[in-house]
Amino acid sequence: LLETVGDYPRTHYIRTLLGELVKSTSSKKLEQFIRENRAALSSLEDAYTIARYSAKEYTREDAEDALRLSEEIIKLVTKAVSG
């Protein structure tokens, strides 16, 4: 966002950040990804907050799911930003 818009929202919410990126790049693939993965993205946001401020433990499977989702986000964002 900093590269494409010159600024970015001060938030840890991935859905907000991705939504802003969609606005600045008009990436239909990224927009579709957000729509199709809204629940998983929400869970990723919750995992960040809970892991940071709570004593909840996550399973290996939970961590692997979060990692896969994060890797997919990175690929889509890289494509959206590079055109």
C-alpha atoms as a PDB file:
ATOM      1  CA  LEU A   1       0.000   0.000   0.000  1.00  0.00           C
ATOM      2  CA  LEU A   2       2.803   2.355   0.785  1.00  0.00           C
ATOM      3  CA  GLU A   3       4.219   1.823  -2.715  1.00  0.00           C
ATOM      4  CA  THR A   4       0.903   1.959  -4.571  1.00  0.00           C
ATOM      5  CA  VAL A   5      -0.923   4.667  -2.621  1.00  0.00           C
ATOM      6  CA  GLY A   6       1.791   6.405  -0.629  1.00  0.00           C
ATOM      7  CA  ASP A   7       0.189   5.608   2.725  1.00  0.00           C
ATOM      8  CA  TYR A   8      -1.457   2.760   4.580  1.00  0.00           C
ATOM      9  CA  PRO A   9      -4.006   2.332   7.366  1.00  0.00           C
ATOM     10  CA  ARG A  10      -2.528   1.763  10.819  1.00  0.00           C
ATOM     11  CA  THR A  11      -4.138  -1.609  11.508  1.00  0.00           C
ATOM     12  CA  HIS A  12      -3.391  -5.289  11.926  1.00  0.00           C
ATOM     13  CA  TYR A  13      -6.641  -6.309  10.224  1.00  0.00           C
ATOM     14  CA  ILE A  14      -5.668  -8.162   7.053  1.00  0.00           C
ATOM     15  CA  ARG A  15      -9.131  -7.735   5.540  1.00  0.00           C
ATOM     16  CA  THR A  16      -8.844  -3.950   5.864  1.00  0.00           C
ATOM     17  CA  LEU A  17      -5.363  -3.928   4.351  1.00  0.00           C
ATOM     18  CA  LEU A  18      -6.357  -6.208   1.471  1.00  0.00           C
ATOM     19  CA  GLY A  19      -9.515  -4.160   0.853  1.00  0.00           C
ATOM     20  CA  GLU A  20      -7.439  -0.996   0.548  1.00  0.00           C
ATOM     21  CA  LEU A  21      -5.096  -2.775  -1.851  1.00  0.00           C
ATOM     22  CA  VAL A  22      -8.043  -3.848  -4.002  1.00  0.00           C
ATOM     23  CA  LYS A  23      -9.183  -0.210  -4.172  1.00  0.00           C
ATOM     24  CA  SER A  24      -5.758   0.959  -5.294  1.00  0.00           C
ATOM     25  CA  THR A  25      -5.005  -1.834  -7.782  1.00  0.00           C
ATOM     26  CA  SER A  26      -8.490  -2.918  -8.943  1.00  0.00           C
ATOM     27  CA  SER A  27      -7.296  -6.534  -8.697  1.00  0.00           C
ATOM     28  CA  LYS A  28     -10.290  -8.768  -9.404  1.00  0.00           C
ATOM     29  CA  LYS A  29      -8.362 -11.880  -8.319  1.00  0.00           C
ATOM     30  CA  LEU A  30      -7.567 -10.341  -4.957  1.00  0.00           C
ATOM     31  CA  GLU A  31     -11.149  -9.134  -4.566  1.00  0.00           C
ATOM     32  CA  GLN A  32     -12.445 -12.641  -5.322  1.00  0.00           C
ATOM     33  CA  PHE A  33      -9.926 -14.183  -2.904  1.00  0.00           C
ATOM     34  CA  ILE A  34     -11.143 -11.905  -0.103  1.00  0.00           C
ATOM     35  CA  ARG A  35     -14.774 -12.766  -0.833  1.00  0.00           C
ATOM     36  CA  GLU A  36     -14.094 -16.518  -0.943  1.00  0.00           C
ATOM     37  CA  ASN A  37     -11.848 -16.531   2.148  1.00  0.00           C
ATOM     38  CA  ARG A  38     -13.587 -14.002   4.406  1.00  0.00           C
ATOM     39  CA  ALA A  39     -13.997 -16.498   7.281  1.00  0.00           C
ATOM     40  CA  ALA A  40     -10.413 -17.759   7.025  1.00  0.00           C
ATOM     41  CA  LEU A  41      -9.074 -14.195   6.932  1.00  0.00           C
ATOM     42  CA  SER A  42     -11.131 -13.369  10.015  1.00  0.00           C
ATOM     43  CA  SER A  43      -9.684 -16.427  11.764  1.00  0.00           C
ATOM     44  CA  LEU A  44      -6.181 -15.295  10.828  1.00  0.00           C
ATOM     45  CA  GLU A  45      -6.864 -11.885  12.373  1.00  0.00           C
ATOM     46  CA  ASP A  46      -8.218 -13.550  15.520  1.00  0.00           C
ATOM     47  CA  ALA A  47      -5.200 -15.842  15.736  1.00  0.00           C
ATOM     48  CA  TYR A  48      -2.857 -12.852  15.661  1.00  0.00           C
ATOM     49  CA  THR A  49      -4.688 -11.056  18.449  1.00  0.00           C
ATOM     50  CA  ILE A  50      -5.295 -14.110  20.621  1.00  0.00           C
ATOM     51  CA  ALA A  51      -1.743 -15.434  20.250  1.00  0.00           C
ATOM     52  CA  ARG A  52      -0.356 -12.052  21.198  1.00  0.00           C
ATOM     53  CA  TYR A  53      -2.599 -11.262  24.157  1.00  0.00           C
ATOM     54  CA  SER A  54      -3.952 -14.599  25.382  1.00  0.00           C
ATOM     55  CA  ALA A  55      -2.787 -17.990  26.535  1.00  0.00           C
ATOM     56  CA  LYS A  56      -4.674 -19.963  23.874  1.00  0.00           C
ATOM     57  CA  GLU A  57      -2.640 -22.673  22.196  1.00  0.00           C
ATOM     58  CA  TYR A  58      -2.949 -23.585  18.545  1.00  0.00           C
ATOM     59  CA  THR A  59      -2.484 -27.002  16.986  1.00  0.00           C
ATOM     60  CA  ARG A  60       0.080 -27.745  14.329  1.00  0.00           C
ATOM     61  CA  GLU A  61      -2.779 -28.087  11.842  1.00  0.00           C
ATOM     62  CA  ASP A  62      -4.081 -24.612  12.762  1.00  0.00           C
ATOM     63  CA  ALA A  63      -0.607 -23.169  12.258  1.00  0.00           C
ATOM     64  CA  GLU A  64      -0.161 -24.931   8.911  1.00  0.00           C
ATOM     65  CA  ASP A  65      -3.548 -23.645   7.708  1.00  0.00           C
ATOM     66  CA  ALA A  66      -2.605 -20.099   8.718  1.00  0.00           C
ATOM     67  CA  LEU A  67       0.758 -20.441   6.989  1.00  0.00           C
ATOM     68  CA  ARG A  68      -0.836 -21.691   3.744  1.00  0.00           C
ATOM     69  CA  LEU A  69      -3.309 -18.818   3.777  1.00  0.00           C
ATOM     70  CA  SER A  70      -0.528 -16.311   4.446  1.00  0.00           C
ATOM     71  CA  GLU A  71       1.576 -17.682   1.590  1.00  0.00           C
ATOM     72  CA  GLU A  72      -1.396 -17.404  -0.767  1.00  0.00           C
ATOM     73  CA  ILE A  73      -1.986 -13.811   0.357  1.00  0.00           C
ATOM     74  CA  ILE A  74       1.655 -12.931  -0.313  1.00  0.00           C
ATOM     75  CA  LYS A  75       1.461 -14.371  -3.854  1.00  0.00           C
ATOM     76  CA  LEU A  76      -1.754 -12.512  -4.658  1.00  0.00           C
ATOM     77  CA  VAL A  77      -0.518  -9.224  -3.228  1.00  0.00           C
ATOM     78  CA  THR A  78       2.750  -9.511  -5.148  1.00  0.00           C
ATOM     79  CA  LYS A  79       0.829 -10.068  -8.406  1.00  0.00           C
ATOM     80  CA  ALA A  80      -1.614  -7.240  -7.670  1.00  0.00           C
ATOM     81  CA  VAL A  81       1.144  -4.745  -6.940  1.00  0.00           C
ATOM     82  CA  SER A  82       3.330  -5.736  -9.890  1.00  0.00           C
ATOM     83  CA  GLY A  83       0.434  -5.486 -12.306  1.00  0.00           C
END
